[in-house]
Amino acid sequence: MAKKGDKRKIIGLVSEETGHRHYYTTKNTMNTPDKLRLRKYDPIARKHAWYSETKKSLGRNEVKK
């Protein structure tokens, strides 16, 4: 369970090329209020692509348009 006053939030990372969410990470919202944008490997496109931050609770693996 999360502690009271915990500043770290779970976020999902969505590929900008394929639109699939493969990676999850935690982020301290006090230190980095902006959205994360990381370059990670996309297994569907089989190359490195940019991943941007979304909410974790979308329910499906694909992002709604």
C-alpha atoms as a PDB file:
ATOM      1  CA  MET A   1       0.000   0.000   0.000  1.00  0.00           C
ATOM      2  CA  ALA A   2       1.075   3.538  -0.631  1.00  0.00           C
ATOM      3  CA  LYS A   3       2.153   5.640   2.292  1.00  0.00           C
ATOM      4  CA  LYS A   4       0.221   8.728   3.260  1.00  0.00           C
ATOM      5  CA  GLY A   5       1.745  11.745   1.532  1.00  0.00           C
ATOM      6  CA  ASP A   6       3.610   9.662  -1.052  1.00  0.00           C
ATOM      7  CA  LYS A   7       4.638  11.953  -3.923  1.00  0.00           C
ATOM      8  CA  ARG A   8       5.487   9.208  -6.437  1.00  0.00           C
ATOM      9  CA  LYS A   9       2.776   8.295  -8.969  1.00  0.00           C
ATOM     10  CA  ILE A  10       2.614   5.312 -11.318  1.00  0.00           C
ATOM     11  CA  ILE A  11       2.531   6.371 -14.974  1.00  0.00           C
ATOM     12  CA  GLY A  12       2.315   4.478 -18.242  1.00  0.00           C
ATOM     13  CA  LEU A  13       4.538   5.200 -21.229  1.00  0.00           C
ATOM     14  CA  VAL A  14       2.894   5.094 -24.672  1.00  0.00           C
ATOM     15  CA  SER A  15       4.788   4.723 -27.942  1.00  0.00           C
ATOM     16  CA  GLU A  16       4.311   7.661 -30.287  1.00  0.00           C
ATOM     17  CA  GLU A  17       4.764   5.380 -33.323  1.00  0.00           C
ATOM     18  CA  THR A  18       2.484   2.426 -32.570  1.00  0.00           C
ATOM     19  CA  GLY A  19       0.275   3.790 -29.782  1.00  0.00           C
ATOM     20  CA  HIS A  20       0.826   0.785 -27.509  1.00  0.00           C
ATOM     21  CA  ARG A  21       1.722   1.027 -23.848  1.00  0.00           C
ATOM     22  CA  HIS A  22       4.599  -1.305 -22.921  1.00  0.00           C
ATOM     23  CA  TYR A  23       6.362   0.426 -20.056  1.00  0.00           C
ATOM     24  CA  TYR A  24       5.297   1.587 -16.591  1.00  0.00           C
ATOM     25  CA  THR A  25       7.355   3.647 -14.175  1.00  0.00           C
ATOM     26  CA  THR A  26       6.986   5.878 -11.141  1.00  0.00           C
ATOM     27  CA  LYS A  27       7.500   9.618 -11.156  1.00  0.00           C
ATOM     28  CA  ASN A  28       7.952  12.157  -8.390  1.00  0.00           C
ATOM     29  CA  THR A  29       5.380  14.816  -9.245  1.00  0.00           C
ATOM     30  CA  MET A  30       6.995  17.441  -7.023  1.00  0.00           C
ATOM     31  CA  ASN A  31      10.359  17.339  -8.843  1.00  0.00           C
ATOM     32  CA  THR A  32       9.082  16.780 -12.398  1.00  0.00           C
ATOM     33  CA  PRO A  33       5.650  18.352 -12.948  1.00  0.00           C
ATOM     34  CA  ASP A  34       6.025  18.181 -16.759  1.00  0.00           C
ATOM     35  CA  LYS A  35       5.181  15.086 -18.798  1.00  0.00           C
ATOM     36  CA  LEU A  36       7.966  12.571 -19.287  1.00  0.00           C
ATOM     37  CA  ARG A  37       9.202  11.772 -22.776  1.00  0.00           C
ATOM     38  CA  LEU A  38      11.725   8.918 -23.009  1.00  0.00           C
ATOM     39  CA  ARG A  39      13.334   7.045 -25.888  1.00  0.00           C
ATOM     40  CA  LYS A  40      12.847   3.313 -25.346  1.00  0.00           C
ATOM     41  CA  TYR A  41      12.688   0.139 -27.432  1.00  0.00           C
ATOM     42  CA  ASP A  42       9.336  -0.593 -29.128  1.00  0.00           C
ATOM     43  CA  PRO A  43       8.938  -4.368 -29.645  1.00  0.00           C
ATOM     44  CA  ILE A  44       6.144  -3.977 -32.221  1.00  0.00           C
ATOM     45  CA  ALA A  45       8.052  -1.518 -34.424  1.00  0.00           C
ATOM     46  CA  ARG A  46      11.327  -3.339 -33.606  1.00  0.00           C
ATOM     47  CA  LYS A  47      13.267  -0.131 -33.101  1.00  0.00           C
ATOM     48  CA  HIS A  48      13.752   2.630 -30.560  1.00  0.00           C
ATOM     49  CA  ALA A  49      10.900   5.138 -30.402  1.00  0.00           C
ATOM     50  CA  TRP A  50       9.775   8.040 -28.268  1.00  0.00           C
ATOM     51  CA  TYR A  51       7.462   7.187 -25.378  1.00  0.00           C
ATOM     52  CA  SER A  52       5.321   9.827 -23.693  1.00  0.00           C
ATOM     53  CA  GLU A  53       3.544   9.804 -20.347  1.00  0.00           C
ATOM     54  CA  THR A  54      -0.131   8.902 -19.847  1.00  0.00           C
ATOM     55  CA  LYS A  55      -2.249   7.848 -16.903  1.00  0.00           C
ATOM     56  CA  LYS A  56      -1.956   4.240 -15.762  1.00  0.00           C
ATOM     57  CA  SER A  57      -5.693   3.629 -15.340  1.00  0.00           C
ATOM     58  CA  LEU A  58      -6.790   3.466 -18.997  1.00  0.00           C
ATOM     59  CA  GLY A  59      -7.618  -0.231 -18.672  1.00  0.00           C
ATOM     60  CA  ARG A  60      -6.462  -1.415 -22.100  1.00  0.00           C
ATOM     61  CA  ASN A  61      -3.038  -1.689 -23.637  1.00  0.00           C
ATOM     62  CA  GLU A  62      -3.882   0.746 -26.446  1.00  0.00           C
ATOM     63  CA  VAL A  63      -4.502   4.458 -26.025  1.00  0.00           C
ATOM     64  CA  LYS A  64      -7.958   5.826 -26.831  1.00  0.00           C
ATOM     65  CA  LYS A  65      -8.004   8.437 -29.587  1.00  0.00           C
END
